[in-house]
C-alpha atoms as a PDB file:
ATOM      1  CA  MET A   1      12.096  20.199 -20.387  1.00  0.00           C
ATOM      2  CA  ASN A   2       9.253  19.855 -17.872  1.00  0.00           C
ATOM      3  CA  ARG A   3       5.703  20.054 -19.184  1.00  0.00           C
ATOM      4  CA  LYS A   4       3.063  22.386 -17.733  1.00  0.00           C
ATOM      5  CA  LEU A   5       0.827  20.659 -15.189  1.00  0.00           C
ATOM      6  CA  THR A   6      -2.904  20.930 -14.603  1.00  0.00           C
ATOM      7  CA  PRO A   7      -4.017  21.949 -11.080  1.00  0.00           C
ATOM      8  CA  GLU A   8      -4.822  18.325 -10.174  1.00  0.00           C
ATOM      9  CA  GLU A   9      -1.502  17.078 -11.559  1.00  0.00           C
ATOM     10  CA  GLU A  10       0.286  19.769  -9.569  1.00  0.00           C
ATOM     11  CA  ARG A  11      -1.560  18.742  -6.369  1.00  0.00           C
ATOM     12  CA  VAL A  12      -0.111  15.237  -6.625  1.00  0.00           C
ATOM     13  CA  ILE A  13       3.207  15.723  -8.437  1.00  0.00           C
ATOM     14  CA  VAL A  14       4.381  18.938  -6.776  1.00  0.00           C
ATOM     15  CA  HIS A  15       2.509  19.018  -3.459  1.00  0.00           C
ATOM     16  CA  LYS A  16       2.711  15.244  -2.855  1.00  0.00           C
ATOM     17  CA  GLY A  17      -1.009  14.547  -2.842  1.00  0.00           C
ATOM     18  CA  THR A  18      -2.653  11.167  -3.445  1.00  0.00           C
ATOM     19  CA  GLU A  19      -5.278  10.048  -5.943  1.00  0.00           C
ATOM     20  CA  ARG A  20      -8.386   8.342  -4.598  1.00  0.00           C
ATOM     21  CA  PRO A  21      -7.974   4.548  -4.803  1.00  0.00           C
ATOM     22  CA  PHE A  22      -9.384   2.789  -7.896  1.00  0.00           C
ATOM     23  CA  THR A  23      -9.883   6.062  -9.783  1.00  0.00           C
ATOM     24  CA  GLY A  24      -6.555   6.293 -11.623  1.00  0.00           C
ATOM     25  CA  LYS A  25      -6.226   5.763 -15.370  1.00  0.00           C
ATOM     26  CA  TYR A  26      -3.611   3.026 -15.048  1.00  0.00           C
ATOM     27  CA  ASP A  27      -4.919   1.072 -12.041  1.00  0.00           C
ATOM     28  CA  LYS A  28      -6.130  -1.819 -14.206  1.00  0.00           C
ATOM     29  CA  HIS A  29      -4.059  -1.032 -17.291  1.00  0.00           C
ATOM     30  CA  PHE A  30      -1.854  -3.894 -18.540  1.00  0.00           C
ATOM     31  CA  GLU A  31      -0.886  -3.014 -22.104  1.00  0.00           C
ATOM     32  CA  LYS A  32       2.729  -3.695 -23.115  1.00  0.00           C
ATOM     33  CA  GLY A  33       4.957  -0.638 -23.036  1.00  0.00           C
ATOM     34  CA  VAL A  34       6.664   1.728 -20.628  1.00  0.00           C
ATOM     35  CA  TYR A  35       5.424   4.163 -17.959  1.00  0.00           C
ATOM     36  CA  THR A  36       7.133   7.555 -17.940  1.00  0.00           C
ATOM     37  CA  CYS A  37       7.215  10.568 -15.630  1.00  0.00           C
ATOM     38  CA  ARG A  38       4.324  12.843 -16.549  1.00  0.00           C
ATOM     39  CA  ARG A  39       6.355  15.970 -15.831  1.00  0.00           C
ATOM     40  CA  CYS A  40       9.704  15.289 -17.534  1.00  0.00           C
ATOM     41  CA  GLY A  41       9.148  12.161 -19.642  1.00  0.00           C
ATOM     42  CA  THR A  42      11.813   9.967 -18.014  1.00  0.00           C
ATOM     43  CA  GLU A  43      11.071   6.249 -18.408  1.00  0.00           C
ATOM     44  CA  LEU A  44      10.311   4.814 -14.948  1.00  0.00           C
ATOM     45  CA  PHE A  45       8.689   1.366 -15.114  1.00  0.00           C
ATOM     46  CA  GLU A  46       8.442  -1.382 -17.730  1.00  0.00           C
ATOM     47  CA  SER A  47       4.963  -2.872 -18.132  1.00  0.00           C
ATOM     48  CA  SER A  48       6.482  -6.303 -17.401  1.00  0.00           C
ATOM     49  CA  SER A  49       7.041  -5.222 -13.775  1.00  0.00           C
ATOM     50  CA  LYS A  50       3.375  -4.257 -13.221  1.00  0.00           C
ATOM     51  CA  PHE A  51       1.154  -6.619 -11.219  1.00  0.00           C
ATOM     52  CA  ARG A  52      -2.345  -6.800  -9.758  1.00  0.00           C
ATOM     53  CA  SER A  53      -2.300  -5.856  -6.079  1.00  0.00           C
ATOM     54  CA  GLU A  54      -5.956  -4.763  -5.718  1.00  0.00           C
ATOM     55  CA  CYS A  55      -4.725  -1.890  -3.535  1.00  0.00           C
ATOM     56  CA  GLY A  56      -6.342   0.820  -5.678  1.00  0.00           C
ATOM     57  CA  TRP A  57      -3.204   2.209  -7.341  1.00  0.00           C
ATOM     58  CA  PRO A  58      -0.842   0.923 -10.077  1.00  0.00           C
ATOM     59  CA  SER A  59       1.735  -1.444  -8.577  1.00  0.00           C
ATOM     60  CA  PHE A  60       5.184  -2.404  -9.856  1.00  0.00           C
ATOM     61  CA  ASP A  61       7.770  -4.706  -8.297  1.00  0.00           C
ATOM     62  CA  GLU A  62      10.783  -3.176 -10.053  1.00  0.00           C
ATOM     63  CA  GLN A  63      11.889   0.174 -11.456  1.00  0.00           C
ATOM     64  CA  ILE A  64      14.019   0.777 -14.517  1.00  0.00           C
ATOM     65  CA  PRO A  65      17.439   0.920 -12.802  1.00  0.00           C
ATOM     66  CA  GLY A  66      18.338   4.372 -11.499  1.00  0.00           C
ATOM     67  CA  ARG A  67      15.099   6.079 -12.531  1.00  0.00           C
ATOM     68  CA  VAL A  68      13.210   6.174  -9.212  1.00  0.00           C
ATOM     69  CA  GLN A  69      14.617   7.598  -5.975  1.00  0.00           C
ATOM     70  CA  TRP A  70      13.604   6.595  -2.439  1.00  0.00           C
ATOM     71  CA  GLN A  71      13.423   9.143   0.390  1.00  0.00           C
ATOM     72  CA  PRO A  72      11.823   9.306   3.866  1.00  0.00           C
ATOM     73  CA  ASP A  73       8.238  10.578   3.903  1.00  0.00           C
ATOM     74  CA  ALA A  74       7.561  13.799   5.809  1.00  0.00           C
ATOM     75  CA  ASP A  75       6.025  11.865   8.722  1.00  0.00           C
ATOM     76  CA  GLY A  76       8.909   9.394   8.821  1.00  0.00           C
ATOM     77  CA  MET A  77       6.470   6.473   8.598  1.00  0.00           C
ATOM     78  CA  ARG A  78       6.736   5.548   4.918  1.00  0.00           C
ATOM     79  CA  THR A  79       9.228   5.761   2.069  1.00  0.00           C
ATOM     80  CA  GLU A  80       8.322   8.175  -0.711  1.00  0.00           C
ATOM     81  CA  ILE A  81       9.346   7.558  -4.323  1.00  0.00           C
ATOM     82  CA  ILE A  82      10.142  10.394  -6.727  1.00  0.00           C
ATOM     83  CA  CYS A  83      11.391  10.740 -10.289  1.00  0.00           C
ATOM     84  CA  ASN A  84      15.170  10.714 -10.108  1.00  0.00           C
ATOM     85  CA  ASN A  85      15.395  13.264 -12.924  1.00  0.00           C
ATOM     86  CA  CYS A  86      12.940  16.014 -11.938  1.00  0.00           C
ATOM     87  CA  GLY A  87      11.877  15.121  -8.365  1.00  0.00           C
ATOM     88  CA  ALA A  88       8.190  14.604  -9.234  1.00  0.00           C
ATOM     89  CA  HIS A  89       6.228  12.812  -6.497  1.00  0.00           C
ATOM     90  CA  LEU A  90       5.203   9.343  -7.678  1.00  0.00           C
ATOM     91  CA  GLY A  91       3.873   7.565  -4.574  1.00  0.00           C
ATOM     92  CA  HIS A  92       5.440   5.202  -2.013  1.00  0.00           C
ATOM     93  CA  VAL A  93       7.383   1.947  -1.911  1.00  0.00           C
ATOM     94  CA  PHE A  94       6.582  -0.972   0.404  1.00  0.00           C
ATOM     95  CA  LEU A  95       8.666  -4.043   1.236  1.00  0.00           C
ATOM     96  CA  GLY A  96       7.821  -7.481   2.573  1.00  0.00           C
ATOM     97  CA  GLU A  97       4.166  -7.729   1.516  1.00  0.00           C
ATOM     98  CA  GLY A  98       4.694 -10.939  -0.457  1.00  0.00           C
ATOM     99  CA  TYR A  99       2.808  -9.957  -3.605  1.00  0.00           C
ATOM    100  CA  THR A 100       5.628 -11.121  -5.923  1.00  0.00           C
ATOM    101  CA  GLU A 101       8.968 -12.896  -5.566  1.00  0.00           C
ATOM    102  CA  LYS A 102      10.736  -9.524  -5.517  1.00  0.00           C
ATOM    103  CA  ASN A 103       8.747  -8.637  -2.372  1.00  0.00           C
ATOM    104  CA  THR A 104       8.632  -4.966  -3.356  1.00  0.00           C
ATOM    105  CA  ARG A 105       5.638  -2.818  -4.297  1.00  0.00           C
ATOM    106  CA  TYR A 106       6.049   0.560  -5.936  1.00  0.00           C
ATOM    107  CA  CYS A 107       2.606   2.087  -5.317  1.00  0.00           C
ATOM    108  CA  VAL A 108       2.260   4.879  -7.893  1.00  0.00           C
ATOM    109  CA  ASN A 109      -0.357   7.530  -8.644  1.00  0.00           C
ATOM    110  CA  SER A 110      -1.622   7.168 -12.216  1.00  0.00           C
ATOM    111  CA  ILE A 111      -1.620  10.936 -12.596  1.00  0.00           C
ATOM    112  CA  SER A 112       2.149  10.998 -12.001  1.00  0.00           C
ATOM    113  CA  MET A 113       2.746   8.903 -15.122  1.00  0.00           C
ATOM    114  CA  GLU A 114       2.206   8.729 -18.867  1.00  0.00           C
ATOM    115  CA  PHE A 115       2.146   5.468 -20.838  1.00  0.00           C
ATOM    116  CA  THR A 116       3.933   4.774 -24.112  1.00  0.00           C
ATOM    117  CA  PRO A 117       2.795   1.613 -25.970  1.00  0.00           C
ATOM    118  CA  ALA A 118       5.567  -0.801 -26.988  1.00  0.00           C
ATOM    119  CA  GLU A 119       5.077  -0.158 -30.717  1.00  0.00           C
ATOM    120  CA  GLN A 120       5.290   3.612 -30.293  1.00  0.00           C
ATOM    121  CA  ARG A 121       8.378   3.260 -28.117  1.00  0.00           C
ATOM    122  CA  ALA A 122      10.052   1.100 -30.789  1.00  0.00           C
ATOM    123  CA  ARG A 123       9.263   3.655 -33.499  1.00  0.00           C
ATOM    124  CA  LYS A 124      10.777   6.427 -31.383  1.00  0.00           C
ATOM    125  CA  ALA A 125      13.934   4.380 -30.929  1.00  0.00           C
ATOM    126  CA  GLU A 126      14.154   3.738 -34.680  1.00  0.00           C
ATOM    127  CA  ASP A 127      13.630   7.420 -35.463  1.00  0.00           C
ATOM    128  CA  ALA A 128      16.305   8.414 -32.962  1.00  0.00           C
ATOM    129  CA  GLY A 129      18.699   5.906 -34.497  1.00  0.00           C
ATOM    130  CA  GLN A 130      18.036   7.152 -38.022  1.00  0.00           C
ATOM    131  CA  LYS A 131      18.676  10.755 -36.992  1.00  0.00           C
ATOM    132  CA  ALA A 132      21.943   9.733 -35.381  1.00  0.00           C
ATOM    133  CA  GLU A 133      23.061   7.991 -38.565  1.00  0.00           C
ATOM    134  CA  ASP A 134      22.110  11.026 -40.622  1.00  0.00           C
ATOM    135  CA  ARG A 135      24.381  13.150 -38.455  1.00  0.00           C
ATOM    136  CA  GLY A 136      27.243  10.708 -39.086  1.00  0.00           C
ATOM    137  CA  GLN A 137      27.124   9.278 -35.580  1.00  0.00           C
ATOM    138  CA  LYS A 138      26.753   5.750 -34.387  1.00  0.00           C
ATOM    139  CA  THR A 139      23.290   4.927 -33.105  1.00  0.00           C
ATOM    140  CA  GLU A 140      24.605   3.707 -29.786  1.00  0.00           C
ATOM    141  CA  ASP A 141      26.565   6.942 -29.235  1.00  0.00           C
ATOM    142  CA  GLY A 142      23.480   9.026 -29.889  1.00  0.00           C
ATOM    143  CA  GLY A 143      21.473   6.845 -27.558  1.00  0.00           C
ATOM    144  CA  GLN A 144      24.040   7.349 -24.819  1.00  0.00           C
ATOM    145  CA  LYS A 145      23.867  11.128 -25.170  1.00  0.00           C
ATOM    146  CA  THR A 146      20.085  11.007 -25.047  1.00  0.00           C
ATOM    147  CA  GLU A 147      20.231   8.925 -21.892  1.00  0.00           C
ATOM    148  CA  ASP A 148      22.789  11.279 -20.348  1.00  0.00           C
ATOM    149  CA  ARG A 149      20.491  14.244 -20.974  1.00  0.00           C
ATOM    150  CA  GLY A 150      17.343  12.488 -19.746  1.00  0.00           C
ATOM    151  CA  GLN A 151      18.730  10.803 -16.663  1.00  0.00           C
ATOM    152  CA  LYS A 152      20.804  12.336 -13.897  1.00  0.00           C
ATOM    153  CA  THR A 153      22.964  10.295 -11.606  1.00  0.00           C
ATOM    154  CA  GLU A 154      21.176   8.578  -8.751  1.00  0.00           C
ATOM    155  CA  GLY A 155      20.478  10.936  -5.875  1.00  0.00           C
ATOM    156  CA  SER A 156      20.461  14.051  -8.090  1.00  0.00           C
ATOM    157  CA  ALA A 157      16.831  15.117  -7.632  1.00  0.00           C
ATOM    158  CA  PRO A 158      16.829  18.678  -6.269  1.00  0.00           C
ATOM    159  CA  GLY A 159      16.736  19.311  -2.528  1.00  0.00           C
ATOM    160  CA  VAL A 160      16.465  15.726  -1.290  1.00  0.00           C
ATOM    161  CA  GLU A 161      18.668  13.213   0.482  1.00  0.00           C
ATOM    162  CA  PRO A 162      18.077   9.850  -1.211  1.00  0.00           C
ATOM    163  CA  VAL A 163      17.308   6.581   0.509  1.00  0.00           C
ATOM    164  CA  ARG A 164      18.834   3.882  -1.645  1.00  0.00           C
ATOM    165  CA  PRO A 165      17.053   0.538  -1.998  1.00  0.00           C
ATOM    166  CA  PRO A 166      18.623  -1.618   0.719  1.00  0.00           C
ATOM    167  CA  SER A 167      21.095  -4.272  -0.410  1.00  0.00           C
ATOM    168  CA  SER A 168      20.506  -7.854   0.668  1.00  0.00           C
ATOM    169  CA  ASP A 169      23.358  -7.840   3.184  1.00  0.00           C
ATOM    170  CA  ILE A 170      22.205  -4.772   5.128  1.00  0.00           C
ATOM    171  CA  ARG A 171      18.447  -4.932   4.620  1.00  0.00           C
ATOM    172  CA  PRO A 172      16.503  -4.599   7.908  1.00  0.00           C
ATOM    173  CA  PRO A 173      13.625  -6.971   8.663  1.00  0.00           C
ATOM    174  CA  ALA A 174      10.995  -6.411   5.985  1.00  0.00           C
ATOM    175  CA  PRO A 175       7.648  -5.018   7.149  1.00  0.00           C
ATOM    176  CA  GLU A 176       4.960  -7.675   7.511  1.00  0.00           C
ATOM    177  CA  ARG A 177       1.250  -7.551   6.733  1.00  0.00           C
ATOM    178  CA  ALA A 178      -1.847  -8.588   8.678  1.00  0.00           C
ATOM    179  CA  ILE A 179      -5.603  -8.234   8.090  1.00  0.00           C
ATOM    180  CA  PHE A 180      -8.265  -8.020  10.809  1.00  0.00           C
ATOM    181  CA  ALA A 181     -12.006  -7.326  10.931  1.00  0.00           C
ATOM    182  CA  SER A 182     -13.817  -6.317  14.131  1.00  0.00           C
ATOM    183  CA  GLY A 183     -16.897  -4.311  13.254  1.00  0.00           C
ATOM    184  CA  CYS A 184     -16.727  -0.750  11.974  1.00  0.00           C
ATOM    185  CA  PHE A 185     -13.252  -0.386  10.470  1.00  0.00           C
ATOM    186  CA  TRP A 186     -12.895   3.150  11.825  1.00  0.00           C
ATOM    187  CA  GLY A 187     -12.637   1.785  15.365  1.00  0.00           C
ATOM    188  CA  THR A 188     -10.483  -1.193  14.411  1.00  0.00           C
ATOM    189  CA  GLU A 189      -7.976   1.131  12.753  1.00  0.00           C
ATOM    190  CA  TYR A 190      -8.029   3.644  15.625  1.00  0.00           C
ATOM    191  CA  TYR A 191      -6.479   1.182  18.071  1.00  0.00           C
ATOM    192  CA  LEU A 192      -4.274  -0.897  15.777  1.00  0.00           C
ATOM    193  CA  GLN A 193      -2.541   2.155  14.299  1.00  0.00           C
ATOM    194  CA  ARG A 194      -1.515   3.257  17.818  1.00  0.00           C
ATOM    195  CA  ALA A 195       0.527   0.169  18.634  1.00  0.00           C
ATOM    196  CA  PRO A 196       4.284   0.847  18.691  1.00  0.00           C
ATOM    197  CA  GLY A 197       5.788  -0.886  15.670  1.00  0.00           C
ATOM    198  CA  VAL A 198       2.760  -0.491  13.417  1.00  0.00           C
ATOM    199  CA  ILE A 199       3.929   1.347  10.303  1.00  0.00           C
ATOM    200  CA  SER A 200       0.649   2.019   8.515  1.00  0.00           C
ATOM    201  CA  THR A 201      -2.998   0.972   8.381  1.00  0.00           C
ATOM    202  CA  THR A 202      -5.527   0.928   5.537  1.00  0.00           C
ATOM    203  CA  VAL A 203      -9.259   0.417   5.984  1.00  0.00           C
ATOM    204  CA  GLY A 204     -11.092  -1.544   3.339  1.00  0.00           C
ATOM    205  CA  PHE A 205     -13.034  -4.665   2.480  1.00  0.00           C
ATOM    206  CA  THR A 206     -12.182  -8.356   2.148  1.00  0.00           C
ATOM    207  CA  GLY A 207     -13.758 -11.793   2.244  1.00  0.00           C
ATOM    208  CA  GLY A 208     -16.476 -11.094  -0.310  1.00  0.00           C
ATOM    209  CA  ARG A 209     -17.556 -11.881  -3.868  1.00  0.00           C
ATOM    210  CA  THR A 210     -17.797  -8.494  -5.606  1.00  0.00           C
ATOM    211  CA  GLU A 211     -14.609  -7.104  -7.151  1.00  0.00           C
ATOM    212  CA  ASN A 212     -13.597  -3.663  -5.850  1.00  0.00           C
ATOM    213  CA  PRO A 213     -16.843  -2.937  -3.973  1.00  0.00           C
ATOM    214  CA  THR A 214     -17.822   0.499  -2.733  1.00  0.00           C
ATOM    215  CA  TYR A 215     -18.734   1.252   0.879  1.00  0.00           C
ATOM    216  CA  LYS A 216     -22.356   1.625  -0.197  1.00  0.00           C
ATOM    217  CA  GLN A 217     -22.364  -1.848  -1.762  1.00  0.00           C
ATOM    218  CA  VAL A 218     -20.737  -3.501   1.258  1.00  0.00           C
ATOM    219  CA  SER A 219     -23.197  -1.763   3.589  1.00  0.00           C
ATOM    220  CA  THR A 220     -26.064  -3.728   2.015  1.00  0.00           C
ATOM    221  CA  GLY A 221     -24.579  -6.932   3.438  1.00  0.00           C
ATOM    222  CA  ARG A 222     -24.983  -8.630   0.051  1.00  0.00           C
ATOM    223  CA  THR A 223     -21.378  -8.603  -1.225  1.00  0.00           C
ATOM    224  CA  GLY A 224     -20.074 -10.951   1.466  1.00  0.00           C
ATOM    225  CA  HIS A 225     -17.307  -8.555   2.482  1.00  0.00           C
ATOM    226  CA  ALA A 226     -16.228  -7.617   5.974  1.00  0.00           C
ATOM    227  CA  GLU A 227     -15.079  -4.146   6.923  1.00  0.00           C
ATOM    228  CA  ALA A 228     -11.405  -4.790   7.645  1.00  0.00           C
ATOM    229  CA  VAL A 229      -8.051  -3.169   8.325  1.00  0.00           C
ATOM    230  CA  GLU A 230      -4.791  -4.027   6.601  1.00  0.00           C
ATOM    231  CA  VAL A 231      -1.857  -3.513   8.978  1.00  0.00           C
ATOM    232  CA  LEU A 232       1.770  -3.074   7.943  1.00  0.00           C
ATOM    233  CA  TYR A 233       4.091  -3.552  10.923  1.00  0.00           C
ATOM    234  CA  ASP A 234       7.773  -3.846  11.818  1.00  0.00           C
ATOM    235  CA  PRO A 235       8.391  -7.385  13.174  1.00  0.00           C
ATOM    236  CA  ALA A 236      11.510  -6.129  14.957  1.00  0.00           C
ATOM    237  CA  LYS A 237       9.309  -3.896  17.131  1.00  0.00           C
ATOM    238  CA  ILE A 238       6.033  -5.786  17.446  1.00  0.00           C
ATOM    239  CA  SER A 239       5.091  -9.389  16.693  1.00  0.00           C
ATOM    240  CA  TYR A 240       2.054 -10.719  14.858  1.00  0.00           C
ATOM    241  CA  GLU A 241       0.881 -12.253  18.130  1.00  0.00           C
ATOM    242  CA  GLN A 242       1.015  -8.865  19.854  1.00  0.00           C
ATOM    243  CA  VAL A 243      -0.997  -7.234  17.063  1.00  0.00           C
ATOM    244  CA  ALA A 244      -3.533 -10.083  17.173  1.00  0.00           C
ATOM    245  CA  LYS A 245      -3.876  -9.764  20.954  1.00  0.00           C
ATOM    246  CA  LEU A 246      -4.568  -6.050  20.569  1.00  0.00           C
ATOM    247  CA  PHE A 247      -7.217  -6.919  17.974  1.00  0.00           C
ATOM    248  CA  PHE A 248      -9.010  -9.108  20.524  1.00  0.00           C
ATOM    249  CA  GLU A 249      -8.593  -6.567  23.326  1.00  0.00           C
ATOM    250  CA  THR A 250     -10.301  -3.743  21.424  1.00  0.00           C
ATOM    251  CA  HIS A 251     -13.621  -5.320  20.412  1.00  0.00           C
ATOM    252  CA  ASP A 252     -16.280  -7.740  21.641  1.00  0.00           C
ATOM    253  CA  PHE A 253     -15.343 -10.981  19.896  1.00  0.00           C
ATOM    254  CA  THR A 254     -18.263 -12.822  21.526  1.00  0.00           C
ATOM    255  CA  GLN A 255     -20.769 -11.067  19.249  1.00  0.00           C
ATOM    256  CA  LEU A 256     -21.780 -12.751  15.986  1.00  0.00           C
ATOM    257  CA  ASN A 257     -22.089 -10.618  12.844  1.00  0.00           C
ATOM    258  CA  ARG A 258     -22.281  -7.375  14.753  1.00  0.00           C
ATOM    259  CA  GLN A 259     -20.322  -4.955  16.916  1.00  0.00           C
ATOM    260  CA  GLY A 260     -22.312  -2.757  19.232  1.00  0.00           C
ATOM    261  CA  PRO A 261     -25.097  -1.016  17.297  1.00  0.00           C
ATOM    262  CA  ASP A 262     -23.665  -2.077  13.923  1.00  0.00           C
ATOM    263  CA  ILE A 263     -25.399  -5.250  12.755  1.00  0.00           C
ATOM    264  CA  GLY A 264     -24.683  -7.369   9.680  1.00  0.00           C
ATOM    265  CA  THR A 265     -22.168  -9.859   8.302  1.00  0.00           C
ATOM    266  CA  GLN A 266     -19.999  -6.942   7.164  1.00  0.00           C
ATOM    267  CA  TYR A 267     -19.333  -6.264  10.873  1.00  0.00           C
ATOM    268  CA  ARG A 268     -18.194  -9.806  11.717  1.00  0.00           C
ATOM    269  CA  SER A 269     -15.110 -10.562  13.795  1.00  0.00           C
ATOM    270  CA  SER A 270     -12.484 -12.224  11.593  1.00  0.00           C
ATOM    271  CA  ILE A 271      -8.767 -12.806  11.290  1.00  0.00           C
ATOM    272  CA  PHE A 272      -7.632 -13.196   7.681  1.00  0.00           C
ATOM    273  CA  TYR A 273      -4.332 -15.056   7.845  1.00  0.00           C
ATOM    274  CA  LEU A 274      -1.656 -14.685   5.152  1.00  0.00           C
ATOM    275  CA  ASN A 275       0.471 -17.720   6.016  1.00  0.00           C
ATOM    276  CA  ASP A 276       0.518 -20.831   8.194  1.00  0.00           C
ATOM    277  CA  GLN A 277       2.328 -19.077  11.019  1.00  0.00           C
ATOM    278  CA  GLN A 278      -0.386 -16.419  11.293  1.00  0.00           C
ATOM    279  CA  LYS A 279      -3.044 -19.135  11.181  1.00  0.00           C
ATOM    280  CA  GLN A 280      -1.424 -21.099  14.005  1.00  0.00           C
ATOM    281  CA  ILE A 281      -1.034 -18.013  16.194  1.00  0.00           C
ATOM    282  CA  ALA A 282      -4.634 -16.897  15.608  1.00  0.00           C
ATOM    283  CA  GLU A 283      -6.073 -20.347  16.332  1.00  0.00           C
ATOM    284  CA  ARG A 284      -3.968 -20.652  19.479  1.00  0.00           C
ATOM    285  CA  LEU A 285      -5.245 -17.309  20.773  1.00  0.00           C
ATOM    286  CA  VAL A 286      -8.846 -18.340  20.064  1.00  0.00           C
ATOM    287  CA  GLN A 287      -8.328 -21.558  22.050  1.00  0.00           C
ATOM    288  CA  GLN A 288      -6.681 -19.597  24.860  1.00  0.00           C
ATOM    289  CA  LEU A 289      -9.680 -17.265  25.074  1.00  0.00           C
ATOM    290  CA  ARG A 290     -12.123 -20.179  25.096  1.00  0.00           C
ATOM    291  CA  LYS A 291     -10.209 -21.757  27.982  1.00  0.00           C
ATOM    292  CA  MET A 292     -10.620 -18.427  29.780  1.00  0.00           C
ATOM    293  CA  GLY A 293     -14.400 -18.816  29.404  1.00  0.00           C
ATOM    294  CA  TYR A 294     -15.106 -16.608  26.385  1.00  0.00           C
ATOM    295  CA  ALA A 295     -17.579 -17.758  23.713  1.00  0.00           C
ATOM    296  CA  VAL A 296     -15.401 -16.641  20.813  1.00  0.00           C
ATOM    297  CA  LYS A 297     -17.209 -15.949  17.528  1.00  0.00           C
ATOM    298  CA  THR A 298     -14.098 -14.784  15.645  1.00  0.00           C
ATOM    299  CA  GLN A 299     -13.512 -16.544  12.327  1.00  0.00           C
ATOM    300  CA  VAL A 300      -9.947 -17.522  11.357  1.00  0.00           C
ATOM    301  CA  VAL A 301      -9.945 -17.728   7.557  1.00  0.00           C
ATOM    302  CA  PRO A 302      -7.421 -17.439   4.697  1.00  0.00           C
ATOM    303  CA  ALA A 303      -6.916 -13.948   3.315  1.00  0.00           C
ATOM    304  CA  GLY A 304      -8.188 -13.065  -0.139  1.00  0.00           C
ATOM    305  CA  PRO A 305      -8.050  -9.816  -2.117  1.00  0.00           C
ATOM    306  CA  PHE A 306      -8.127  -6.691   0.049  1.00  0.00           C
ATOM    307  CA  CYS A 307      -9.818  -3.633  -1.439  1.00  0.00           C
ATOM    308  CA  ALA A 308      -9.066  -0.209   0.057  1.00  0.00           C
ATOM    309  CA  ALA A 309     -12.118   1.850   1.027  1.00  0.00           C
ATOM    310  CA  GLU A 310     -12.780   5.363  -0.211  1.00  0.00           C
ATOM    311  CA  GLY A 311     -10.376   8.054   0.951  1.00  0.00           C
ATOM    312  CA  TYR A 312     -12.749   9.686   3.422  1.00  0.00           C
ATOM    313  CA  HIS A 313     -12.805   6.463   5.474  1.00  0.00           C
ATOM    314  CA  GLN A 314      -9.024   6.378   5.929  1.00  0.00           C
ATOM    315  CA  ASP A 315      -7.714   7.513   9.349  1.00  0.00           C
ATOM    316  CA  TYR A 316     -11.278   8.651  10.066  1.00  0.00           C
ATOM    317  CA  TYR A 317     -11.181   9.287  13.814  1.00  0.00           C
ATOM    318  CA  ASN A 318      -7.832  11.057  13.800  1.00  0.00           C
ATOM    319  CA  ARG A 319      -8.841  13.342  10.951  1.00  0.00           C
ATOM    320  CA  ASN A 320     -12.143  14.210  12.605  1.00  0.00           C
ATOM    321  CA  GLY A 321     -10.899  14.493  16.188  1.00  0.00           C
ATOM    322  CA  GLN A 322     -13.228  11.750  17.441  1.00  0.00           C
ATOM    323  CA  THR A 323     -12.962   8.427  19.289  1.00  0.00           C
ATOM    324  CA  PRO A 324     -14.631   5.047  18.574  1.00  0.00           C
ATOM    325  CA  TYR A 325     -18.248   4.540  19.591  1.00  0.00           C
ATOM    326  CA  CYS A 326     -18.191   0.727  19.796  1.00  0.00           C
ATOM    327  CA  HIS A 327     -14.534  -0.211  20.286  1.00  0.00           C
ATOM    328  CA  VAL A 328     -13.018  -0.032  23.768  1.00  0.00           C
ATOM    329  CA  TYR A 329      -9.570  -1.157  24.882  1.00  0.00           C
ATOM    330  CA  ARG A 330      -9.526  -3.607  27.795  1.00  0.00           C
ATOM    331  CA  PRO A 331      -6.580  -5.816  28.843  1.00  0.00           C
ATOM    332  CA  ILE A 332      -7.413  -9.510  28.549  1.00  0.00           C
ATOM    333  CA  PHE A 333      -4.178 -11.422  28.106  1.00  0.00           C
ATOM    334  CA  SER A 334      -2.273  -9.506  30.804  1.00  0.00           C
ATOM    335  CA  SER A 335      -2.571  -6.388  32.904  1.00  0.00           C
ATOM    336  CA  GLN A 336      -0.006  -4.604  30.709  1.00  0.00           C
ATOM    337  CA  PRO A 337       0.286  -6.456  27.395  1.00  0.00           C
ATOM    338  CA  ALA A 338       3.278  -5.996  25.139  1.00  0.00           C
ATOM    339  CA  GLY A 339       2.461  -3.569  22.356  1.00  0.00           C
ATOM    340  CA  ALA A 340       0.015  -1.593  24.493  1.00  0.00           C
ATOM    341  CA  VAL A 341      -1.629   1.184  22.531  1.00  0.00           C
ATOM    342  CA  ARG A 342      -0.429   4.769  22.589  1.00  0.00           C
ATOM    343  CA  ARG A 343      -3.076   7.117  23.899  1.00  0.00           C
END
């Protein structure tokens, strides 16, 4: 039986809303136990599958088999995850980010879940077993009936066509991740998100000392962070080199610790590489630009934790119907570079 939801729970669970990053109850929660669907109580994720992603929402690299269903998001850009029993919206799933060996991140709204500590879960199992014995049934038979009532077959959530987790033999190229900083992250995101093959972008902060800083803290210039954009892209449609070229072609990389009227180390030009291949490509492009006569100030540094900015910063220009004030697209590497932005 589904429980009654509060207005905020309904906004997320029924109407597919999203909690603000770093505000959820379970973002930094690592007690042993199990996470269940807030609406129907179905067990979804074991605590052993939870990991620190610093993305602002609880992250898991594995579901309890058959409990979470994948389906295309309304915009076709991401993959939504829902409770396989009642269809409650949970969040989204991402592949190929490299956080854990399983290379999968279930990004879940805290408000979509409840948590049951391990001890309480064990007591419930014992109580259920005792009741089954009292009725003259075997414990395992009673447990099977309970599972049959609480879990429908995969793909049974109402009104949806499931997307099954891809098997290893048919899995398409996993999305890849890149992080760039080029001044105000509104403008950086505006151009990078328009490149064909870019799946999603998130504005935030990286390269600093303070854990989970706010925009106000970063704006002081004292946390060491840069305003940055995390890009998730399809390597079958656009390469890392093409994304990096677009990064250079949409800001003035000859300026040090500033971009246009925005001045401070938080506005520095930086490429935060996630592996040796990204490092080699970035350094090669910097050398290529210097040979072309540019005094490149862009730093090429290893990536550290990336912290998503507050919700009102995400997709800022598109939501407000504006265009960047200090980022301008200009071809540098060719007259019509591969991965040219969509206007």
